[in-house]
Amino acid sequence: MIGWVDASSGASGDMLLGALLGAGVPLPVIERAVTAVAPEHVGLRAEQVTRNGFAATRCHVEVPDRSAHRTWRDVAALLENASLDEGVRARALASFRRLAEAEGRVHGTDAADVHFHEVGALDAIADVVGVCAGLEHLGLDRLAVSPVAVGSGHVTSAHGQMPVPPPAVAELLRGVESYAGPGHSELCTPTGAALLTANATEYGAQPPMSVRAIGVGAGGRDPQTHANVLRLFVGEPSGSGQAAHGTNGPLLVETNVDDLDPRLWPNVLATLLEAGASDAWLIPILMKKGRPAHTLAALVAEDCADAVRSAMFRNTSTIGLRETLLGKTALDRSMRTVQVDGQDIRVKLAMHNGHVVNVQPEYDDVARVATGTGRPIKDVLADAVASSRLFRSLDHP
């Protein structure tokens, strides 16, 4: 499943909640997750409204007036101790962490100790946890986000009057395409920006997809300049899996990870291969702000894709995967056998238009023979390659 968020009129936590409800997420799914985390009662109520001609769902978050201002450290403890699905917990922690770190950077404060309304208030807890529960319920493999409208003008906050976008929103949307958008007001809140950037797997216009559900989430205001809504499209990615030429194309599944102990990577690769990936690899990369990371990638056939996705989520710290359907042209292949020191070594032959174009001994067999005979692997490999040359003269082996 794939989702696409149209944030051309901005984004906020309640707009995302409304869009999820409109896309088919049952309200009790969101309520249960919020109740598991919130230290005080939080009421959620869905209302059907219109925004400048759009029929939309407005999700009201009702909290007591005495809501405390908690730190990111406090909220993290609430999430860690709550009875939540692990996927919801991981999404919520990532979203709150992004929000706290952004606020810490723009105010010059340690994120763990930041005291500010946006992180600690019950309505923010309800927005973040509720949205994460809704996304997890939809079972999305990909979430694309459009360029984000942030607004213009000025907004009044606990820190006084600030330009739009406010510093935290600007920080959260670093590296993400954004623009002023319609009207002259704040369109994207820090909570909305954190939720989008923590859960998106890609950005841009609507990807090719067969849309099954559309959720339209309403903001609290109803300006005359535009429809104050956020739309969520949910469906199946387009593509039958048939390449333009050659054989059926595999699926490329990949993710960027910057917080995993590097000693775990060999086991991760082995687990992906065991789950059915035809190949898996790791690429060192440098992410924003010079942060070292790795791109984990796997090639997988459609019937093994779910198992490989699950293996990536279970064995790494990622919360989202990118998937691309690839075209593939593969040579015909067959196996033959040669003998070295009286032991069989398999040889893979690759043919193009009936002609052998590549011959390669299986390395595992070469290593086995070298171990059994006590000879260096390089010598056994050289003998196997020499014995395999006869196959190059065969047009139809």
Protein backbone atom coordinates (compact mmCIF):
# COMPACT_ATOMS: atom_id res chain seq x y z
CA MET A 1 0.00 0.00 0.00
CA ILE A 2 1.08 3.54 -0.73
CA GLY A 3 -0.12 6.87 0.65
CA TRP A 4 0.28 10.39 -0.72
CA VAL A 5 -0.21 13.51 1.39
CA ASP A 6 -1.33 16.66 -0.41
CA ALA A 7 0.00 19.40 1.88
CA SER A 8 -0.64 22.23 -0.60
CA SER A 9 -2.73 24.02 2.05
CA GLY A 10 -0.42 23.21 4.93
CA ALA A 11 -0.35 20.54 7.61
CA SER A 12 -1.18 20.19 11.29
CA GLY A 13 -1.80 17.32 13.67
CA ASP A 14 -5.59 17.69 13.64
CA MET A 15 -5.68 17.96 9.83
CA LEU A 16 -3.74 14.71 9.58
CA LEU A 17 -6.08 13.05 12.09
CA GLY A 18 -9.10 14.14 10.06
CA ALA A 19 -7.55 12.88 6.82
CA LEU A 20 -6.80 9.49 8.37
CA LEU A 21 -10.37 9.18 9.64
CA GLY A 22 -11.67 10.15 6.21
CA ALA A 23 -9.43 7.54 4.58
CA GLY A 24 -11.04 4.78 6.65
CA VAL A 25 -9.14 4.55 9.92
CA PRO A 26 -11.71 3.80 12.67
CA LEU A 27 -11.85 6.41 15.44
CA PRO A 28 -11.47 3.72 18.19
CA VAL A 29 -8.07 2.74 16.73
CA ILE A 30 -6.82 6.28 17.34
CA GLU A 31 -8.59 6.60 20.71
CA ARG A 32 -7.03 3.42 22.11
CA ALA A 33 -3.50 4.54 21.24
CA VAL A 34 -4.01 8.04 22.66
CA THR A 35 -5.56 6.69 25.88
CA ALA A 36 -2.59 4.33 26.33
CA VAL A 37 -0.17 7.28 26.40
CA ALA A 38 -2.04 10.33 27.72
CA PRO A 39 -1.65 10.81 31.50
CA GLU A 40 -4.98 12.68 31.60
CA HIS A 41 -8.28 12.20 29.79
CA VAL A 42 -8.30 13.21 26.14
CA GLY A 43 -11.51 13.28 24.12
CA LEU A 44 -11.57 12.78 20.35
CA ARG A 45 -14.59 13.72 18.26
CA ALA A 46 -15.04 13.55 14.49
CA GLU A 47 -17.22 16.13 12.71
CA GLN A 48 -18.14 16.43 9.04
CA VAL A 49 -17.54 20.01 7.85
CA THR A 50 -16.92 21.95 4.64
CA ARG A 51 -13.90 24.09 3.89
CA ASN A 52 -14.30 26.41 0.90
CA GLY A 53 -16.35 23.82 -1.01
CA PHE A 54 -14.49 20.73 0.23
CA ALA A 55 -16.37 18.16 2.31
CA ALA A 56 -13.90 17.25 5.05
CA THR A 57 -13.48 15.55 8.42
CA ARG A 58 -12.60 17.71 11.40
CA CYS A 59 -11.09 15.87 14.35
CA HIS A 60 -11.59 17.72 17.61
CA VAL A 61 -9.06 17.00 20.36
CA GLU A 62 -10.60 17.90 23.72
CA VAL A 63 -8.23 18.27 26.68
CA PRO A 64 -8.53 19.79 30.17
CA ASP A 65 -7.44 23.41 30.62
CA ARG A 66 -4.85 22.45 33.23
CA SER A 67 -2.68 20.47 30.80
CA ALA A 68 0.95 20.42 32.01
CA HIS A 69 3.96 21.51 29.94
CA ARG A 70 6.15 18.42 29.73
CA THR A 71 9.64 18.00 28.30
CA TRP A 72 10.71 15.63 25.54
CA ARG A 73 12.27 13.51 28.29
CA ASP A 74 8.86 13.28 29.99
CA VAL A 75 7.03 12.43 26.77
CA ALA A 76 9.60 9.77 25.82
CA ALA A 77 9.02 8.07 29.18
CA LEU A 78 5.26 8.10 28.58
CA LEU A 79 5.71 6.49 25.18
CA GLU A 80 8.20 3.89 26.37
CA ASN A 81 5.93 2.76 29.21
CA ALA A 82 2.64 2.79 27.30
CA SER A 83 0.88 -0.33 26.07
CA LEU A 84 1.32 0.43 22.37
CA ASP A 85 1.91 -1.52 19.19
CA GLU A 86 5.66 -1.37 18.55
CA GLY A 87 5.17 0.21 15.16
CA VAL A 88 3.08 3.01 16.66
CA ARG A 89 5.62 3.52 19.44
CA ALA A 90 8.53 3.75 16.98
CA ARG A 91 6.70 6.27 14.77
CA ALA A 92 5.67 8.40 17.74
CA LEU A 93 9.15 8.41 19.26
CA ALA A 94 10.68 9.41 15.93
CA SER A 95 8.11 12.19 15.42
CA PHE A 96 8.51 13.65 18.92
CA ARG A 97 12.29 13.34 18.72
CA ARG A 98 12.35 15.38 15.50
CA LEU A 99 10.11 18.00 17.08
CA ALA A 100 12.18 18.26 20.27
CA GLU A 101 15.51 18.35 18.43
CA ALA A 102 14.28 21.09 16.11
CA GLU A 103 13.03 23.20 19.01
CA GLY A 104 16.30 22.60 20.85
CA ARG A 105 18.38 23.73 17.88
CA VAL A 106 16.43 26.92 17.20
CA HIS A 107 16.37 27.91 20.89
CA GLY A 108 19.90 26.75 21.74
CA THR A 109 18.68 24.23 24.33
CA ASP A 110 19.30 20.54 24.97
CA ALA A 111 16.39 18.73 23.31
CA ALA A 112 15.87 16.40 26.28
CA ASP A 113 15.26 19.33 28.61
CA VAL A 114 13.24 21.62 26.37
CA HIS A 115 10.16 22.98 28.14
CA PHE A 116 7.63 24.17 25.62
CA HIS A 117 3.96 23.79 24.90
CA GLU A 118 4.25 22.04 21.55
CA VAL A 119 5.92 18.92 22.98
CA GLY A 120 4.40 18.54 26.40
CA ALA A 121 0.73 19.48 25.97
CA LEU A 122 -1.92 16.78 25.83
CA ASP A 123 -3.22 17.95 22.45
CA ALA A 124 0.25 17.46 20.92
CA ILE A 125 0.48 13.98 22.47
CA ALA A 126 -2.96 13.13 21.05
CA ASP A 127 -2.05 14.48 17.59
CA VAL A 128 1.26 12.64 17.32
CA VAL A 129 0.20 9.32 18.82
CA GLY A 130 -3.14 9.36 17.01
CA VAL A 131 -1.59 10.06 13.61
CA CYS A 132 1.06 7.38 14.13
CA ALA A 133 -1.62 4.84 15.11
CA GLY A 134 -3.62 5.75 12.00
CA LEU A 135 -0.64 5.38 9.67
CA GLU A 136 0.25 2.05 11.22
CA HIS A 137 -3.36 0.85 10.86
CA LEU A 138 -3.32 1.59 7.12
CA GLY A 139 -0.25 -0.63 6.71
CA LEU A 140 1.46 1.72 4.28
CA ASP A 141 4.70 0.52 2.71
CA ARG A 142 5.39 4.00 1.31
CA LEU A 143 4.27 7.49 2.24
CA ALA A 144 4.90 10.30 -0.23
CA VAL A 145 4.45 13.96 0.71
CA SER A 146 3.87 16.86 -1.67
CA PRO A 147 5.71 20.18 -1.38
CA VAL A 148 4.52 21.69 1.90
CA ALA A 149 2.74 25.05 2.08
CA VAL A 150 4.02 26.89 5.15
CA GLY A 151 2.17 30.23 4.93
CA SER A 152 3.42 33.80 5.26
CA GLY A 153 3.16 36.80 7.51
CA HIS A 154 3.61 36.58 11.30
CA VAL A 155 2.32 34.40 14.12
CA THR A 156 2.14 35.04 17.85
CA SER A 157 3.64 32.31 20.07
CA ALA A 158 4.83 31.83 23.64
CA HIS A 159 8.10 33.46 22.47
CA GLY A 160 6.35 36.53 21.06
CA GLN A 161 5.66 37.48 17.45
CA MET A 162 7.54 35.37 14.91
CA PRO A 163 7.77 35.32 11.12
CA VAL A 164 6.08 32.52 9.19
CA PRO A 165 7.30 29.85 8.87
CA PRO A 166 8.26 29.84 12.57
CA PRO A 167 11.84 28.76 13.35
CA ALA A 168 10.88 25.20 14.38
CA VAL A 169 8.90 24.60 11.17
CA ALA A 170 11.74 26.00 9.04
CA GLU A 171 14.19 23.70 10.83
CA LEU A 172 11.96 20.62 10.49
CA LEU A 173 11.52 21.21 6.75
CA ARG A 174 15.23 21.53 5.96
CA GLY A 175 15.84 19.57 2.76
CA VAL A 176 12.08 19.26 2.05
CA GLU A 177 10.46 21.29 -0.74
CA SER A 178 8.21 23.98 0.76
CA TYR A 179 6.65 27.27 -0.32
CA ALA A 180 4.42 30.05 1.03
CA GLY A 181 1.14 28.72 -0.34
CA PRO A 182 -2.26 30.43 -0.27
CA GLY A 183 -3.38 33.14 2.13
CA HIS A 184 -1.35 35.13 4.66
CA SER A 185 -1.20 33.06 7.84
CA GLU A 186 0.59 30.09 9.39
CA LEU A 187 -0.30 26.97 7.37
CA CYS A 188 2.10 24.35 8.73
CA THR A 189 2.53 23.80 12.46
CA PRO A 190 5.62 22.30 14.11
CA THR A 191 3.63 19.16 14.99
CA GLY A 192 2.44 18.80 11.40
CA ALA A 193 5.97 19.28 10.02
CA ALA A 194 7.42 16.76 12.47
CA LEU A 195 4.79 14.13 11.62
CA LEU A 196 5.28 14.53 7.88
CA THR A 197 9.07 14.43 7.92
CA ALA A 198 9.35 11.60 10.45
CA ASN A 199 7.01 9.30 8.51
CA ALA A 200 7.57 10.22 4.84
CA THR A 201 9.55 7.81 2.71
CA GLU A 202 9.62 10.13 -0.31
CA TYR A 203 8.59 13.60 -1.46
CA GLY A 204 7.04 15.05 -4.59
CA ALA A 205 3.94 14.99 -6.76
CA GLN A 206 1.46 12.14 -6.51
CA PRO A 207 3.26 8.93 -7.51
CA PRO A 208 1.65 6.50 -9.98
CA MET A 209 -1.00 4.67 -7.96
CA SER A 210 -4.47 3.18 -8.09
CA VAL A 211 -6.34 5.24 -5.47
CA ARG A 212 -8.66 3.27 -3.17
CA ALA A 213 -9.50 5.88 -0.52
CA ILE A 214 -9.24 9.64 -0.12
CA GLY A 215 -9.31 11.32 3.28
CA VAL A 216 -9.80 15.08 3.57
CA GLY A 217 -8.80 16.52 6.94
CA ALA A 218 -10.01 19.98 7.91
CA GLY A 219 -8.16 22.62 9.87
CA GLY A 220 -9.93 24.74 12.47
CA ARG A 221 -10.10 27.91 10.35
CA ASP A 222 -12.23 28.38 7.23
CA PRO A 223 -10.61 31.24 5.28
CA GLN A 224 -12.05 32.60 2.04
CA THR A 225 -8.70 32.42 0.26
CA HIS A 226 -8.44 28.62 0.07
CA ALA A 227 -9.75 25.30 1.32
CA ASN A 228 -8.00 24.75 4.64
CA VAL A 229 -7.65 20.99 4.19
CA LEU A 230 -5.02 18.29 3.93
CA ARG A 231 -5.72 15.33 1.65
CA LEU A 232 -4.50 11.75 2.04
CA PHE A 233 -4.69 9.40 -0.95
CA VAL A 234 -4.34 5.68 -0.21
CA GLY A 235 -4.03 2.90 -2.77
CA GLU A 236 -1.86 0.46 -4.64
CA PRO A 237 1.30 1.51 -6.51
CA SER A 238 0.91 1.29 -10.28
CA GLY A 239 2.83 -1.23 -12.36
CA SER A 240 2.16 -4.83 -13.20
CA GLY A 241 5.71 -5.97 -12.52
CA GLN A 242 6.39 -6.66 -16.23
CA ALA A 243 9.48 -4.90 -17.52
CA ALA A 244 9.47 -3.18 -20.88
CA HIS A 245 11.77 -5.90 -22.13
CA GLY A 246 13.40 -9.01 -20.74
CA THR A 247 12.07 -10.80 -17.66
CA ASN A 248 9.72 -9.66 -14.90
CA GLY A 249 11.31 -6.81 -12.99
CA PRO A 250 12.27 -7.20 -9.34
CA LEU A 251 11.40 -4.79 -6.56
CA LEU A 252 14.21 -2.64 -5.16
CA VAL A 253 13.59 -2.06 -1.45
CA GLU A 254 15.92 0.37 0.29
CA THR A 255 16.24 2.63 3.31
CA ASN A 256 18.78 5.04 4.84
CA VAL A 257 19.88 4.23 8.40
CA ASP A 258 22.13 6.43 10.54
CA ASP A 259 21.72 4.99 14.05
CA LEU A 260 22.45 1.24 13.89
CA ASP A 261 25.46 -0.43 15.50
CA PRO A 262 27.64 -1.33 12.45
CA ARG A 263 28.43 -4.74 13.94
CA LEU A 264 24.84 -5.75 13.16
CA TRP A 265 25.02 -5.19 9.41
CA PRO A 266 26.40 -8.64 8.39
CA ASN A 267 23.52 -10.32 10.22
CA VAL A 268 21.01 -7.91 8.67
CA LEU A 269 22.20 -8.81 5.16
CA ALA A 270 22.09 -12.51 5.95
CA THR A 271 18.56 -12.17 7.33
CA LEU A 272 17.33 -10.44 4.16
CA LEU A 273 18.74 -13.21 1.99
CA GLU A 274 17.10 -15.81 4.23
CA ALA A 275 13.80 -13.94 3.87
CA GLY A 276 13.95 -14.36 0.09
CA ALA A 277 15.90 -11.40 -1.28
CA SER A 278 17.81 -12.36 -4.40
CA ASP A 279 20.53 -9.88 -3.43
CA ALA A 280 21.20 -7.46 -0.59
CA TRP A 281 23.90 -4.84 -0.10
CA LEU A 282 25.03 -1.87 1.96
CA ILE A 283 26.31 1.50 0.70
CA PRO A 284 28.08 4.02 2.98
CA ILE A 285 26.57 7.49 2.50
CA LEU A 286 26.86 10.96 4.02
CA MET A 287 23.55 12.52 5.05
CA LYS A 288 22.63 16.09 5.94
CA LYS A 289 24.92 17.93 8.35
CA GLY A 290 27.72 15.49 7.52
CA ARG A 291 26.11 12.59 9.40
CA PRO A 292 27.53 9.18 8.34
CA ALA A 293 24.93 6.58 7.43
CA HIS A 294 24.26 3.55 5.22
CA THR A 295 21.78 2.77 2.48
CA LEU A 296 20.48 -0.77 2.92
CA ALA A 297 19.10 -2.22 -0.32
CA ALA A 298 17.60 -5.51 -1.41
CA LEU A 299 16.31 -6.97 -4.67
CA VAL A 300 13.25 -9.11 -4.18
CA ALA A 301 10.55 -10.80 -6.22
CA GLU A 302 6.93 -9.83 -5.57
CA ASP A 303 6.07 -13.05 -3.71
CA CYS A 304 8.88 -12.51 -1.17
CA ALA A 305 8.48 -8.74 -0.74
CA ASP A 306 6.43 -8.88 2.47
CA ALA A 307 8.95 -11.16 4.18
CA VAL A 308 11.86 -8.90 3.20
CA ARG A 309 10.02 -5.78 4.37
CA SER A 310 9.34 -7.44 7.71
CA ALA A 311 12.97 -8.49 8.04
CA MET A 312 14.13 -4.90 7.42
CA PHE A 313 11.75 -3.49 10.02
CA ARG A 314 12.58 -6.18 12.62
CA ASN A 315 16.34 -6.07 12.27
CA THR A 316 17.07 -2.36 11.72
CA SER A 317 15.95 0.92 13.24
CA THR A 318 14.23 2.20 10.08
CA ILE A 319 10.60 3.34 10.14
CA GLY A 320 10.11 3.61 6.37
CA LEU A 321 11.17 1.95 3.12
CA ARG A 322 11.51 3.21 -0.45
CA GLU A 323 10.39 0.80 -3.15
CA THR A 324 11.00 0.94 -6.88
CA LEU A 325 9.81 -1.50 -9.51
CA LEU A 326 12.78 -2.16 -11.80
CA GLY A 327 13.06 -3.31 -15.35
CA LYS A 328 15.43 -6.24 -15.79
CA THR A 329 17.09 -8.03 -18.68
CA ALA A 330 18.64 -11.29 -17.55
CA LEU A 331 20.83 -13.72 -19.47
CA ASP A 332 19.81 -17.35 -19.69
CA ARG A 333 21.74 -19.40 -17.18
CA SER A 334 22.61 -23.03 -16.60
CA MET A 335 24.92 -25.02 -14.33
CA ARG A 336 27.68 -27.43 -15.35
CA THR A 337 30.34 -29.24 -13.33
CA VAL A 338 34.12 -29.52 -13.58
CA GLN A 339 36.49 -31.53 -11.43
CA VAL A 340 39.50 -30.22 -9.54
CA ASP A 341 41.58 -32.71 -7.53
CA GLY A 342 38.86 -35.29 -8.09
CA GLN A 343 36.11 -33.13 -6.53
CA ASP A 344 33.14 -31.51 -8.24
CA ILE A 345 32.91 -27.75 -8.61
CA ARG A 346 29.76 -26.23 -10.08
CA VAL A 347 30.15 -23.69 -12.88
CA LYS A 348 27.53 -21.12 -13.82
CA LEU A 349 27.15 -20.44 -17.54
CA ALA A 350 25.42 -17.32 -18.86
CA MET A 351 24.15 -17.30 -22.45
CA HIS A 352 23.09 -14.54 -24.83
CA ASN A 353 21.23 -15.59 -27.98
CA GLY A 354 22.42 -19.14 -27.42
CA HIS A 355 26.09 -18.21 -27.08
CA VAL A 356 28.06 -18.58 -23.85
CA VAL A 357 29.26 -15.13 -22.80
CA ASN A 358 30.27 -15.74 -19.19
CA VAL A 359 31.58 -18.71 -17.23
CA GLN A 360 32.13 -18.54 -13.47
CA PRO A 361 32.94 -21.29 -10.94
CA GLU A 362 30.87 -21.21 -7.74
CA TYR A 363 33.08 -19.74 -5.06
CA ASP A 364 31.59 -21.78 -2.22
CA ASP A 365 32.54 -24.98 -4.05
CA VAL A 366 36.03 -23.65 -4.68
CA ALA A 367 36.45 -22.84 -0.98
CA ARG A 368 35.18 -26.30 0.01
CA VAL A 369 37.69 -28.04 -2.25
CA ALA A 370 40.52 -25.82 -1.02
CA THR A 371 39.68 -26.63 2.60
CA GLY A 372 39.47 -30.35 1.88
CA THR A 373 42.75 -30.50 0.01
CA GLY A 374 44.74 -27.94 2.00
CA ARG A 375 45.53 -25.97 -1.14
CA PRO A 376 45.30 -22.17 -1.38
CA ILE A 377 41.91 -20.98 -2.61
CA LYS A 378 43.52 -18.92 -5.37
CA ASP A 379 45.16 -22.05 -6.84
CA VAL A 380 41.95 -24.08 -6.78
CA LEU A 381 40.08 -21.17 -8.37
CA ALA A 382 42.65 -20.88 -11.14
CA ASP A 383 42.32 -24.60 -11.91
CA ALA A 384 38.52 -24.37 -11.92
CA VAL A 385 38.57 -21.37 -14.28
CA ALA A 386 40.97 -23.19 -16.63
CA SER A 387 38.76 -26.31 -16.65
CA SER A 388 35.70 -24.17 -17.35
CA ARG A 389 37.09 -22.63 -20.52
CA LEU A 390 35.89 -25.53 -22.65
CA PHE A 391 32.31 -24.36 -22.13
CA ARG A 392 33.00 -21.07 -23.92
CA SER A 393 33.20 -22.91 -27.23
CA LEU A 394 29.71 -24.35 -26.80
CA ASP A 395 26.89 -22.38 -28.34
CA HIS A 396 24.22 -24.61 -26.79
CA PRO A 397 25.66 -26.24 -23.65
